[in-house]
Amino acid sequence: MFMVCGWYRMPEVGFTVEGSRGVMRVNDDELELNLNGGEKFRWFRNDLKDSIGFWLGAPEYYREDECFVKSLIDGKNVEPNFFSSAKVDLMIDEVKAKAKNK
Protein backbone atom coordinates (compact mmCIF):
# COMPACT_ATOMS: atom_id res chain seq x y z
CA MET A 1 0.00 0.00 0.00
CA PHE A 2 1.33 3.44 -0.93
CA MET A 3 0.14 6.64 0.71
CA VAL A 4 0.75 10.19 -0.37
CA CYS A 5 0.69 12.81 2.36
CA GLY A 6 0.33 16.51 1.71
CA TRP A 7 1.85 19.31 3.74
CA TYR A 8 -0.26 22.38 4.28
CA ARG A 9 0.90 25.67 5.73
CA MET A 10 -1.32 26.83 8.56
CA PRO A 11 -2.63 30.42 8.53
CA GLU A 12 -0.23 32.80 10.19
CA VAL A 13 -0.95 35.92 12.20
CA GLY A 14 1.59 38.69 12.43
CA PHE A 15 2.12 42.40 12.25
CA THR A 16 4.69 45.00 11.28
CA VAL A 17 5.59 48.10 13.27
CA GLU A 18 7.46 50.89 11.51
CA GLY A 19 9.07 53.37 13.87
CA SER A 20 11.55 56.20 13.72
CA ARG A 21 14.48 53.84 14.46
CA GLY A 22 13.52 50.88 12.24
CA VAL A 23 11.02 48.16 11.47
CA MET A 24 9.85 45.26 13.64
CA ARG A 25 8.00 42.25 12.23
CA VAL A 26 6.49 39.59 14.47
CA ASN A 27 4.41 36.48 13.82
CA ASP A 28 3.63 33.19 15.55
CA ASP A 29 7.18 31.92 15.09
CA GLU A 30 9.66 34.78 15.12
CA LEU A 31 10.46 38.42 15.80
CA GLU A 32 12.63 40.36 13.37
CA LEU A 33 14.08 43.82 14.05
CA ASN A 34 15.72 45.87 11.29
CA LEU A 35 17.26 49.10 12.54
CA ASN A 36 17.78 52.09 10.25
CA GLY A 37 21.57 51.87 10.70
CA GLY A 38 21.63 48.45 9.02
CA GLU A 39 21.68 46.27 12.15
CA LYS A 40 19.37 43.26 11.93
CA PHE A 41 18.21 40.99 14.72
CA ARG A 42 16.08 37.85 14.57
CA TRP A 43 14.68 35.78 17.43
CA PHE A 44 12.58 32.65 17.26
CA ARG A 45 9.90 31.78 19.78
CA ASN A 46 12.09 29.31 21.65
CA ASP A 47 14.82 31.98 21.99
CA LEU A 48 12.54 34.30 23.96
CA LYS A 49 12.21 32.04 27.02
CA ASP A 50 8.67 33.18 27.79
CA SER A 51 6.94 31.91 30.90
CA ILE A 52 3.43 31.49 29.51
CA GLY A 53 2.04 28.17 30.71
CA PHE A 54 -0.42 27.77 27.86
CA TRP A 55 -1.24 29.28 24.50
CA LEU A 56 -4.88 29.45 23.42
CA GLY A 57 -4.33 29.96 19.71
CA ALA A 58 -4.27 27.64 16.76
CA PRO A 59 -2.24 26.29 14.91
CA GLU A 60 -0.24 24.85 17.80
CA TYR A 61 -1.22 23.25 21.06
CA TYR A 62 2.18 22.07 22.29
CA ARG A 63 1.94 23.99 25.57
CA GLU A 64 -1.47 22.55 26.34
CA ASP A 65 -0.09 19.08 25.60
CA GLU A 66 2.90 19.67 27.85
CA CYS A 67 0.66 20.95 30.64
CA PHE A 68 -1.70 17.96 30.26
CA VAL A 69 1.13 15.41 30.42
CA LYS A 70 2.66 17.18 33.44
CA SER A 71 -0.71 17.11 35.22
CA LEU A 72 -0.95 13.36 34.65
CA ILE A 73 2.57 12.77 35.96
CA ASP A 74 2.05 15.03 38.99
CA GLY A 75 -1.51 13.82 39.63
CA LYS A 76 -2.85 17.40 39.74
CA ASN A 77 -5.61 19.28 37.98
CA VAL A 78 -4.63 22.00 35.57
CA GLU A 79 -6.02 25.47 35.05
CA PRO A 80 -7.54 26.45 32.72
CA ASN A 81 -9.55 23.27 32.47
CA PHE A 82 -12.53 22.39 30.30
CA PHE A 83 -15.08 23.89 32.68
CA SER A 84 -13.36 27.23 33.23
CA SER A 85 -12.62 27.46 29.50
CA ALA A 86 -16.28 26.81 28.70
CA LYS A 87 -17.26 29.70 31.01
CA VAL A 88 -14.82 32.01 29.19
CA ASP A 89 -16.21 30.93 25.80
CA LEU A 90 -19.76 31.57 27.03
CA MET A 91 -18.80 35.05 28.21
CA ILE A 92 -17.13 35.83 24.87
CA ASP A 93 -20.24 34.66 23.01
CA GLU A 94 -22.46 36.86 25.20
CA VAL A 95 -20.27 39.92 24.62
CA LYS A 96 -20.30 39.30 20.85
CA ALA A 97 -24.08 38.90 20.86
CA LYS A 98 -24.57 42.17 22.79
CA ALA A 99 -22.11 44.01 20.54
CA LYS A 100 -23.90 42.73 17.44
CA ASN A 101 -27.28 43.99 18.74
CA LYS A 102 -26.02 47.55 19.27
PDB file of N, CA and C in Angstrom:
ATOM      1  N   MET A   1       0.847  -1.172   0.000  1.00  0.00           N
ATOM      2  CA  MET A   1       0.000   0.000   0.000  1.00  0.00           C
ATOM      3  C   MET A   1       0.894   1.237   0.000  1.00  0.00           C
ATOM      4  N   PHE A   2       0.557   2.211  -0.800  1.00  0.00           N
ATOM      5  CA  PHE A   2       1.332   3.445  -0.934  1.00  0.00           C
ATOM      6  C   PHE A   2       0.441   4.618  -0.576  1.00  0.00           C
ATOM      7  N   MET A   3       0.930   5.473   0.308  1.00  0.00           N
ATOM      8  CA  MET A   3       0.138   6.639   0.709  1.00  0.00           C
ATOM      9  C   MET A   3       0.898   7.910   0.357  1.00  0.00           C
ATOM     10  N   VAL A   4       0.170   8.883  -0.093  1.00  0.00           N
ATOM     11  CA  VAL A   4       0.754  10.194  -0.370  1.00  0.00           C
ATOM     12  C   VAL A   4       0.207  11.164   0.669  1.00  0.00           C
ATOM     13  N   CYS A   5       1.100  11.841   1.345  1.00  0.00           N
ATOM     14  CA  CYS A   5       0.690  12.810   2.360  1.00  0.00           C
ATOM     15  C   CYS A   5       1.000  14.210   1.865  1.00  0.00           C
ATOM     16  N   GLY A   6       0.106  15.120   2.092  1.00  0.00           N
ATOM     17  CA  GLY A   6       0.329  16.513   1.711  1.00  0.00           C
ATOM     18  C   GLY A   6       0.702  17.348   2.908  1.00  0.00           C
ATOM     19  N   TRP A   7       1.484  18.366   2.687  1.00  0.00           N
ATOM     20  CA  TRP A   7       1.854  19.313   3.737  1.00  0.00           C
ATOM     21  C   TRP A   7       1.150  20.613   3.450  1.00  0.00           C
ATOM     22  N   TYR A   8       0.486  21.147   4.444  1.00  0.00           N
ATOM     23  CA  TYR A   8      -0.262  22.377   4.278  1.00  0.00           C
ATOM     24  C   TYR A   8       0.227  23.396   5.299  1.00  0.00           C
ATOM     25  N   ARG A   9       0.481  24.580   4.842  1.00  0.00           N
ATOM     26  CA  ARG A   9       0.896  25.668   5.735  1.00  0.00           C
ATOM     27  C   ARG A   9      -0.337  26.170   6.465  1.00  0.00           C
ATOM     28  N   MET A  10      -0.220  26.309   7.762  1.00  0.00           N
ATOM     29  CA  MET A  10      -1.318  26.833   8.564  1.00  0.00           C
ATOM     30  C   MET A  10      -1.359  28.353   8.425  1.00  0.00           C
ATOM     31  N   PRO A  11      -2.539  28.956   8.568  1.00  0.00           N
ATOM     32  CA  PRO A  11      -2.627  30.423   8.529  1.00  0.00           C
ATOM     33  C   PRO A  11      -1.726  31.026   9.598  1.00  0.00           C
ATOM     34  N   GLU A  12      -1.165  32.155   9.278  1.00  0.00           N
ATOM     35  CA  GLU A  12      -0.229  32.797  10.193  1.00  0.00           C
ATOM     36  C   GLU A  12      -0.707  34.206  10.509  1.00  0.00           C
ATOM     37  N   VAL A  13      -0.576  34.576  11.770  1.00  0.00           N
ATOM     38  CA  VAL A  13      -0.948  35.917  12.201  1.00  0.00           C
ATOM     39  C   VAL A  13       0.329  36.660  12.560  1.00  0.00           C
ATOM     40  N   GLY A  14       0.432  37.888  12.116  1.00  0.00           N
ATOM     41  CA  GLY A  14       1.594  38.685  12.434  1.00  0.00           C
ATOM     42  C   GLY A  14       1.314  40.156  12.188  1.00  0.00           C
ATOM     43  N   PHE A  15       2.265  40.982  12.536  1.00  0.00           N
ATOM     44  CA  PHE A  15       2.120  42.404  12.249  1.00  0.00           C
ATOM     45  C   PHE A  15       3.483  43.038  12.086  1.00  0.00           C
ATOM     46  N   THR A  16       3.476  44.230  11.510  1.00  0.00           N
ATOM     47  CA  THR A  16       4.694  45.002  11.276  1.00  0.00           C
ATOM     48  C   THR A  16       4.534  46.357  11.930  1.00  0.00           C
ATOM     49  N   VAL A  17       5.576  46.781  12.642  1.00  0.00           N
ATOM     50  CA  VAL A  17       5.586  48.099  13.268  1.00  0.00           C
ATOM     51  C   VAL A  17       6.744  48.881  12.665  1.00  0.00           C
ATOM     52  N   GLU A  18       6.424  50.020  12.064  1.00  0.00           N
ATOM     53  CA  GLU A  18       7.457  50.893  11.506  1.00  0.00           C
ATOM     54  C   GLU A  18       7.607  52.088  12.423  1.00  0.00           C
ATOM     55  N   GLY A  19       8.808  52.271  12.955  1.00  0.00           N
ATOM     56  CA  GLY A  19       9.071  53.368  13.872  1.00  0.00           C
ATOM     57  C   GLY A  19      10.190  54.254  13.365  1.00  0.00           C
ATOM     58  N   SER A  20      10.528  55.238  14.129  1.00  0.00           N
ATOM     59  CA  SER A  20      11.550  56.200  13.719  1.00  0.00           C
ATOM     60  C   SER A  20      12.951  55.583  13.686  1.00  0.00           C
ATOM     61  N   ARG A  21      13.151  54.460  14.399  1.00  0.00           N
ATOM     62  CA  ARG A  21      14.476  53.840  14.457  1.00  0.00           C
ATOM     63  C   ARG A  21      14.587  52.553  13.645  1.00  0.00           C
ATOM     64  N   GLY A  22      13.462  52.102  13.043  1.00  0.00           N
ATOM     65  CA  GLY A  22      13.524  50.885  12.241  1.00  0.00           C
ATOM     66  C   GLY A  22      12.177  50.210  12.117  1.00  0.00           C
ATOM     67  N   VAL A  23      12.231  48.938  11.722  1.00  0.00           N
ATOM     68  CA  VAL A  23      11.017  48.158  11.472  1.00  0.00           C
ATOM     69  C   VAL A  23      11.088  46.858  12.273  1.00  0.00           C
ATOM     70  N   MET A  24       9.961  46.511  12.908  1.00  0.00           N
ATOM     71  CA  MET A  24       9.854  45.261  13.638  1.00  0.00           C
ATOM     72  C   MET A  24       8.731  44.447  13.023  1.00  0.00           C
ATOM     73  N   ARG A  25       9.015  43.179  12.737  1.00  0.00           N
ATOM     74  CA  ARG A  25       7.999  42.249  12.232  1.00  0.00           C
ATOM     75  C   ARG A  25       7.909  41.083  13.219  1.00  0.00           C
ATOM     76  N   VAL A  26       6.694  40.700  13.537  1.00  0.00           N
ATOM     77  CA  VAL A  26       6.488  39.593  14.473  1.00  0.00           C
ATOM     78  C   VAL A  26       5.344  38.730  13.962  1.00  0.00           C
ATOM     79  N   ASN A  27       5.481  37.416  14.143  1.00  0.00           N
ATOM     80  CA  ASN A  27       4.413  36.481  13.816  1.00  0.00           C
ATOM     81  C   ASN A  27       4.416  35.368  14.858  1.00  0.00           C
ATOM     82  N   ASP A  28       3.731  34.281  14.575  1.00  0.00           N
ATOM     83  CA  ASP A  28       3.635  33.190  15.547  1.00  0.00           C
ATOM     84  C   ASP A  28       4.977  32.550  15.856  1.00  0.00           C
ATOM     85  N   ASP A  29       5.940  32.668  14.957  1.00  0.00           N
ATOM     86  CA  ASP A  29       7.182  31.924  15.087  1.00  0.00           C
ATOM     87  C   ASP A  29       8.417  32.758  15.408  1.00  0.00           C
ATOM     88  N   GLU A  30       8.428  34.017  14.980  1.00  0.00           N
ATOM     89  CA  GLU A  30       9.663  34.782  15.123  1.00  0.00           C
ATOM     90  C   GLU A  30       9.416  36.280  15.248  1.00  0.00           C
ATOM     91  N   LEU A  31      10.445  36.961  15.713  1.00  0.00           N
ATOM     92  CA  LEU A  31      10.456  38.416  15.802  1.00  0.00           C
ATOM     93  C   LEU A  31      11.707  38.897  15.061  1.00  0.00           C
ATOM     94  N   GLU A  32      11.520  39.832  14.157  1.00  0.00           N
ATOM     95  CA  GLU A  32      12.633  40.362  13.372  1.00  0.00           C
ATOM     96  C   GLU A  32      12.690  41.873  13.559  1.00  0.00           C
ATOM     97  N   LEU A  33      13.888  42.390  13.846  1.00  0.00           N
ATOM     98  CA  LEU A  33      14.085  43.820  14.050  1.00  0.00           C
ATOM     99  C   LEU A  33      15.150  44.309  13.088  1.00  0.00           C
ATOM    100  N   ASN A  34      14.792  45.262  12.247  1.00  0.00           N
ATOM    101  CA  ASN A  34      15.723  45.872  11.294  1.00  0.00           C
ATOM    102  C   ASN A  34      15.857  47.355  11.642  1.00  0.00           C
ATOM    103  N   LEU A  35      17.024  47.716  12.162  1.00  0.00           N
ATOM    104  CA  LEU A  35      17.256  49.104  12.539  1.00  0.00           C
ATOM    105  C   LEU A  35      17.705  49.913  11.327  1.00  0.00           C
ATOM    106  N   ASN A  36      17.440  51.205  11.370  1.00  0.00           N
ATOM    107  CA  ASN A  36      17.783  52.085  10.246  1.00  0.00           C
ATOM    108  C   ASN A  36      19.277  52.084   9.929  1.00  0.00           C
ATOM    109  N   GLY A  37      20.132  51.870  10.915  1.00  0.00           N
ATOM    110  CA  GLY A  37      21.573  51.869  10.700  1.00  0.00           C
ATOM    111  C   GLY A  37      22.091  50.617  10.022  1.00  0.00           C
ATOM    112  N   GLY A  38      21.215  49.670   9.701  1.00  0.00           N
ATOM    113  CA  GLY A  38      21.626  48.452   9.025  1.00  0.00           C
ATOM    114  C   GLY A  38      21.707  47.229   9.929  1.00  0.00           C
ATOM    115  N   GLU A  39      21.638  47.414  11.243  1.00  0.00           N
ATOM    116  CA  GLU A  39      21.675  46.273  12.149  1.00  0.00           C
ATOM    117  C   GLU A  39      20.381  45.473  12.027  1.00  0.00           C
ATOM    118  N   LYS A  40      20.525  44.144  12.022  1.00  0.00           N
ATOM    119  CA  LYS A  40      19.367  43.257  11.932  1.00  0.00           C
ATOM    120  C   LYS A  40      19.449  42.226  13.042  1.00  0.00           C
ATOM    121  N   PHE A  41      18.302  41.969  13.658  1.00  0.00           N
ATOM    122  CA  PHE A  41      18.205  40.986  14.722  1.00  0.00           C
ATOM    123  C   PHE A  41      17.026  40.084  14.420  1.00  0.00           C
ATOM    124  N   ARG A  42      17.155  38.799  14.806  1.00  0.00           N
ATOM    125  CA  ARG A  42      16.078  37.848  14.566  1.00  0.00           C
ATOM    126  C   ARG A  42      16.048  36.856  15.730  1.00  0.00           C
ATOM    127  N   TRP A  43      14.878  36.727  16.342  1.00  0.00           N
ATOM    128  CA  TRP A  43      14.679  35.783  17.430  1.00  0.00           C
ATOM    129  C   TRP A  43      13.522  34.864  17.076  1.00  0.00           C
ATOM    130  N   PHE A  44      13.670  33.610  17.429  1.00  0.00           N
ATOM    131  CA  PHE A  44      12.584  32.654  17.257  1.00  0.00           C
ATOM    132  C   PHE A  44      11.898  32.451  18.604  1.00  0.00           C
ATOM    133  N   ARG A  45      10.701  31.918  18.568  1.00  0.00           N
ATOM    134  CA  ARG A  45       9.897  31.776  19.783  1.00  0.00           C
ATOM    135  C   ARG A  45      10.676  31.094  20.904  1.00  0.00           C
ATOM    136  N   ASN A  46      11.375  30.021  20.591  1.00  0.00           N
ATOM    137  CA  ASN A  46      12.088  29.308  21.647  1.00  0.00           C
ATOM    138  C   ASN A  46      13.268  30.103  22.191  1.00  0.00           C
ATOM    139  N   ASP A  47      13.737  31.131  21.487  1.00  0.00           N
ATOM    140  CA  ASP A  47      14.820  31.982  21.987  1.00  0.00           C
ATOM    141  C   ASP A  47      14.344  32.958  23.062  1.00  0.00           C
ATOM    142  N   LEU A  48      13.057  33.237  23.113  1.00  0.00           N
ATOM    143  CA  LEU A  48      12.536  34.304  23.965  1.00  0.00           C
ATOM    144  C   LEU A  48      12.276  33.863  25.396  1.00  0.00           C
ATOM    145  N   LYS A  49      12.335  32.578  25.662  1.00  0.00           N
ATOM    146  CA  LYS A  49      12.207  32.041  27.023  1.00  0.00           C
ATOM    147  C   LYS A  49      11.012  32.625  27.787  1.00  0.00           C
ATOM    148  N   ASP A  50       9.855  32.643  27.119  1.00  0.00           N
ATOM    149  CA  ASP A  50       8.674  33.179  27.794  1.00  0.00           C
ATOM    150  C   ASP A  50       8.223  32.228  28.899  1.00  0.00           C
ATOM    151  N   SER A  51       7.390  32.721  29.768  1.00  0.00           N
ATOM    152  CA  SER A  51       6.942  31.913  30.905  1.00  0.00           C
ATOM    153  C   SER A  51       5.446  31.635  30.852  1.00  0.00           C
ATOM    154  N   ILE A  52       4.854  31.745  29.668  1.00  0.00           N
ATOM    155  CA  ILE A  52       3.429  31.489  29.513  1.00  0.00           C
ATOM    156  C   ILE A  52       3.194  29.981  29.634  1.00  0.00           C
ATOM    157  N   GLY A  53       2.286  29.583  30.500  1.00  0.00           N
ATOM    158  CA  GLY A  53       2.038  28.167  30.708  1.00  0.00           C
ATOM    159  C   GLY A  53       1.159  27.524  29.660  1.00  0.00           C
ATOM    160  N   PHE A  54       0.444  28.317  28.902  1.00  0.00           N
ATOM    161  CA  PHE A  54      -0.415  27.772  27.858  1.00  0.00           C
ATOM    162  C   PHE A  54      -0.628  28.830  26.795  1.00  0.00           C
ATOM    163  N   TRP A  55      -1.007  28.371  25.619  1.00  0.00           N
ATOM    164  CA  TRP A  55      -1.238  29.277  24.503  1.00  0.00           C
ATOM    165  C   TRP A  55      -2.557  28.888  23.887  1.00  0.00           C
ATOM    166  N   LEU A  56      -3.514  29.800  23.831  1.00  0.00           N
ATOM    167  CA  LEU A  56      -4.877  29.451  23.416  1.00  0.00           C
ATOM    168  C   LEU A  56      -5.125  29.627  21.929  1.00  0.00           C
ATOM    169  N   GLY A  57      -4.112  29.741  21.132  1.00  0.00           N
ATOM    170  CA  GLY A  57      -4.327  29.962  19.711  1.00  0.00           C
ATOM    171  C   GLY A  57      -3.964  28.772  18.865  1.00  0.00           C
ATOM    172  N   ALA A  58      -4.680  28.616  17.767  1.00  0.00           N
ATOM    173  CA  ALA A  58      -4.267  27.645  16.762  1.00  0.00           C
ATOM    174  C   ALA A  58      -3.110  28.288  16.019  1.00  0.00           C
ATOM    175  N   PRO A  59      -2.273  27.669  15.351  1.00  0.00           N
ATOM    176  CA  PRO A  59      -2.241  26.286  14.907  1.00  0.00           C
ATOM    177  C   PRO A  59      -1.508  25.333  15.830  1.00  0.00           C
ATOM    178  N   GLU A  60      -1.019  25.749  16.969  1.00  0.00           N
ATOM    179  CA  GLU A  60      -0.238  24.845  17.798  1.00  0.00           C
ATOM    180  C   GLU A  60      -0.862  24.692  19.165  1.00  0.00           C
ATOM    181  N   TYR A  61      -0.721  23.514  19.723  1.00  0.00           N
ATOM    182  CA  TYR A  61      -1.215  23.252  21.064  1.00  0.00           C
ATOM    183  C   TYR A  61      -0.147  22.582  21.916  1.00  0.00           C
ATOM    184  N   TYR A  62       1.119  22.798  21.590  1.00  0.00           N
ATOM    185  CA  TYR A  62       2.179  22.075  22.292  1.00  0.00           C
ATOM    186  C   TYR A  62       2.218  22.411  23.769  1.00  0.00           C
ATOM    187  N   ARG A  63       1.894  23.636  24.144  1.00  0.00           N
ATOM    188  CA  ARG A  63       1.936  23.987  25.566  1.00  0.00           C
ATOM    189  C   ARG A  63       0.802  23.322  26.329  1.00  0.00           C
ATOM    190  N   GLU A  64      -0.366  23.246  25.702  1.00  0.00           N
ATOM    191  CA  GLU A  64      -1.468  22.548  26.341  1.00  0.00           C
ATOM    192  C   GLU A  64      -1.117  21.080  26.522  1.00  0.00           C
ATOM    193  N   ASP A  65      -0.493  20.483  25.505  1.00  0.00           N
ATOM    194  CA  ASP A  65      -0.094  19.083  25.599  1.00  0.00           C
ATOM    195  C   ASP A  65       0.907  18.886  26.726  1.00  0.00           C
ATOM    196  N   GLU A  66       1.894  19.768  26.806  1.00  0.00           N
ATOM    197  CA  GLU A  66       2.900  19.671  27.849  1.00  0.00           C
ATOM    198  C   GLU A  66       2.255  19.789  29.227  1.00  0.00           C
ATOM    199  N   CYS A  67       1.341  20.723  29.370  1.00  0.00           N
ATOM    200  CA  CYS A  67       0.659  20.946  30.643  1.00  0.00           C
ATOM    201  C   CYS A  67      -0.190  19.723  31.010  1.00  0.00           C
ATOM    202  N   PHE A  68      -0.866  19.138  30.022  1.00  0.00           N
ATOM    203  CA  PHE A  68      -1.697  17.961  30.257  1.00  0.00           C
ATOM    204  C   PHE A  68      -0.843  16.783  30.733  1.00  0.00           C
ATOM    205  N   VAL A  69       0.254  16.523  30.039  1.00  0.00           N
ATOM    206  CA  VAL A  69       1.132  15.411  30.418  1.00  0.00           C
ATOM    207  C   VAL A  69       1.700  15.634  31.814  1.00  0.00           C
ATOM    208  N   LYS A  70       2.114  16.861  32.105  1.00  0.00           N
ATOM    209  CA  LYS A  70       2.661  17.176  33.443  1.00  0.00           C
ATOM    210  C   LYS A  70       1.600  16.950  34.518  1.00  0.00           C
ATOM    211  N   SER A  71       0.352  17.306  34.225  1.00  0.00           N
ATOM    212  CA  SER A  71      -0.706  17.108  35.222  1.00  0.00           C
ATOM    213  C   SER A  71      -0.934  15.621  35.484  1.00  0.00           C
ATOM    214  N   LEU A  72      -0.797  14.798  34.453  1.00  0.00           N
ATOM    215  CA  LEU A  72      -0.946  13.355  34.652  1.00  0.00           C
ATOM    216  C   LEU A  72       0.191  12.800  35.506  1.00  0.00           C
ATOM    217  N   ILE A  73       1.404  13.245  35.205  1.00  0.00           N
ATOM    218  CA  ILE A  73       2.568  12.773  35.959  1.00  0.00           C
ATOM    219  C   ILE A  73       2.490  13.215  37.406  1.00  0.00           C
ATOM    220  N   ASP A  74       2.102  14.482  37.634  1.00  0.00           N
ATOM    221  CA  ASP A  74       2.046  15.034  38.993  1.00  0.00           C
ATOM    222  C   ASP A  74       0.756  14.676  39.733  1.00  0.00           C
ATOM    223  N   GLY A  75      -0.241  14.155  39.006  1.00  0.00           N
ATOM    224  CA  GLY A  75      -1.511  13.817  39.632  1.00  0.00           C
ATOM    225  C   GLY A  75      -2.293  15.028  40.086  1.00  0.00           C
ATOM    226  N   LYS A  76      -2.171  16.151  39.362  1.00  0.00           N
ATOM    227  CA  LYS A  76      -2.853  17.398  39.740  1.00  0.00           C
ATOM    228  C   LYS A  76      -3.757  17.870  38.596  1.00  0.00           C
ATOM    229  N   ASN A  77      -4.756  18.644  38.975  1.00  0.00           N
ATOM    230  CA  ASN A  77      -5.609  19.280  37.980  1.00  0.00           C
ATOM    231  C   ASN A  77      -4.912  20.504  37.420  1.00  0.00           C
ATOM    232  N   VAL A  78      -5.243  20.831  36.199  1.00  0.00           N
ATOM    233  CA  VAL A  78      -4.635  22.001  35.566  1.00  0.00           C
ATOM    234  C   VAL A  78      -5.664  23.110  35.405  1.00  0.00           C
ATOM    235  N   GLU A  79      -5.166  24.303  35.274  1.00  0.00           N
ATOM    236  CA  GLU A  79      -6.019  25.474  35.048  1.00  0.00           C
ATOM    237  C   GLU A  79      -5.392  26.289  33.919  1.00  0.00           C
ATOM    238  N   PRO A  80      -6.104  26.643  32.872  1.00  0.00           N
ATOM    239  CA  PRO A  80      -7.537  26.452  32.721  1.00  0.00           C
ATOM    240  C   PRO A  80      -7.871  25.000  32.397  1.00  0.00           C
ATOM    241  N   ASN A  81      -9.064  24.598  32.811  1.00  0.00           N
ATOM    242  CA  ASN A  81      -9.554  23.273  32.475  1.00  0.00           C
ATOM    243  C   ASN A  81     -10.770  23.430  31.573  1.00  0.00           C
ATOM    244  N   PHE A  82     -11.393  22.335  31.221  1.00  0.00           N
ATOM    245  CA  PHE A  82     -12.530  22.390  30.303  1.00  0.00           C
ATOM    246  C   PHE A  82     -13.645  23.282  30.839  1.00  0.00           C
ATOM    247  N   PHE A  83     -13.951  23.161  32.121  1.00  0.00           N
ATOM    248  CA  PHE A  83     -15.085  23.892  32.679  1.00  0.00           C
ATOM    249  C   PHE A  83     -14.825  25.396  32.752  1.00  0.00           C
ATOM    250  N   SER A  84     -13.641  25.794  33.192  1.00  0.00           N
ATOM    251  CA  SER A  84     -13.357  27.234  33.231  1.00  0.00           C
ATOM    252  C   SER A  84     -13.239  27.795  31.817  1.00  0.00           C
ATOM    253  N   SER A  85     -12.708  27.012  30.893  1.00  0.00           N
ATOM    254  CA  SER A  85     -12.619  27.462  29.498  1.00  0.00           C
ATOM    255  C   SER A  85     -14.005  27.620  28.880  1.00  0.00           C
ATOM    256  N   ALA A  86     -14.908  26.716  29.209  1.00  0.00           N
ATOM    257  CA  ALA A  86     -16.279  26.811  28.697  1.00  0.00           C
ATOM    258  C   ALA A  86     -16.955  28.085  29.208  1.00  0.00           C
ATOM    259  N   LYS A  87     -16.692  28.451  30.459  1.00  0.00           N
ATOM    260  CA  LYS A  87     -17.256  29.696  31.009  1.00  0.00           C
ATOM    261  C   LYS A  87     -16.721  30.918  30.255  1.00  0.00           C
ATOM    262  N   VAL A  88     -15.421  30.898  29.946  1.00  0.00           N
ATOM    263  CA  VAL A  88     -14.825  32.013  29.188  1.00  0.00           C
ATOM    264  C   VAL A  88     -15.440  32.085  27.801  1.00  0.00           C
ATOM    265  N   ASP A  89     -15.588  30.939  27.131  1.00  0.00           N
ATOM    266  CA  ASP A  89     -16.205  30.927  25.800  1.00  0.00           C
ATOM    267  C   ASP A  89     -17.632  31.455  25.843  1.00  0.00           C
ATOM    268  N   LEU A  90     -18.387  31.080  26.872  1.00  0.00           N
ATOM    269  CA  LEU A  90     -19.763  31.566  27.027  1.00  0.00           C
ATOM    270  C   LEU A  90     -19.771  33.080  27.191  1.00  0.00           C
ATOM    271  N   MET A  91     -18.872  33.604  28.002  1.00  0.00           N
ATOM    272  CA  MET A  91     -18.798  35.046  28.215  1.00  0.00           C
ATOM    273  C   MET A  91     -18.449  35.772  26.906  1.00  0.00           C
ATOM    274  N   ILE A  92     -17.503  35.224  26.154  1.00  0.00           N
ATOM    275  CA  ILE A  92     -17.125  35.832  24.868  1.00  0.00           C
ATOM    276  C   ILE A  92     -18.317  35.838  23.925  1.00  0.00           C
ATOM    277  N   ASP A  93     -19.052  34.723  23.864  1.00  0.00           N
ATOM    278  CA  ASP A  93     -20.244  34.659  23.010  1.00  0.00           C
ATOM    279  C   ASP A  93     -21.296  35.687  23.422  1.00  0.00           C
ATOM    280  N   GLU A  94     -21.487  35.880  24.725  1.00  0.00           N
ATOM    281  CA  GLU A  94     -22.457  36.863  25.202  1.00  0.00           C
ATOM    282  C   GLU A  94     -22.036  38.284  24.845  1.00  0.00           C
ATOM    283  N   VAL A  95     -20.762  38.591  24.980  1.00  0.00           N
ATOM    284  CA  VAL A  95     -20.265  39.916  24.617  1.00  0.00           C
ATOM    285  C   VAL A  95     -20.440  40.164  23.130  1.00  0.00           C
ATOM    286  N   LYS A  96     -20.128  39.162  22.311  1.00  0.00           N
ATOM    287  CA  LYS A  96     -20.304  39.297  20.854  1.00  0.00           C
ATOM    288  C   LYS A  96     -21.779  39.519  20.497  1.00  0.00           C
ATOM    289  N   ALA A  97     -22.651  38.771  21.141  1.00  0.00           N
ATOM    290  CA  ALA A  97     -24.084  38.904  20.857  1.00  0.00           C
ATOM    291  C   ALA A  97     -24.575  40.319  21.235  1.00  0.00           C
ATOM    292  N   LYS A  98     -24.150  40.819  22.374  1.00  0.00           N
ATOM    293  CA  LYS A  98     -24.566  42.167  22.786  1.00  0.00           C
ATOM    294  C   LYS A  98     -23.984  43.231  21.866  1.00  0.00           C
ATOM    295  N   ALA A  99     -22.745  43.045  21.442  1.00  0.00           N
ATOM    296  CA  ALA A  99     -22.114  44.008  20.542  1.00  0.00           C
ATOM    297  C   ALA A  99     -22.807  44.001  19.174  1.00  0.00           C
ATOM    298  N   LYS A 100     -23.239  42.856  18.739  1.00  0.00           N
ATOM    299  CA  LYS A 100     -23.903  42.728  17.444  1.00  0.00           C
ATOM    300  C   LYS A 100     -25.272  43.411  17.462  1.00  0.00           C
ATOM    301  N   ASN A 101     -25.932  43.402  18.620  1.00  0.00           N
ATOM    302  CA  ASN A 101     -27.276  43.989  18.738  1.00  0.00           C
ATOM    303  C   ASN A 101     -27.246  45.501  18.899  1.00  0.00           C
ATOM    304  N   LYS A 102     -26.086  46.096  19.076  1.00  0.00           N
ATOM    305  CA  LYS A 102     -26.023  47.548  19.268  1.00  0.00           C
ATOM    306  C   LYS A 102     -26.052  48.272  17.953  1.00  0.00           C
TER     307      LYS A 102
END
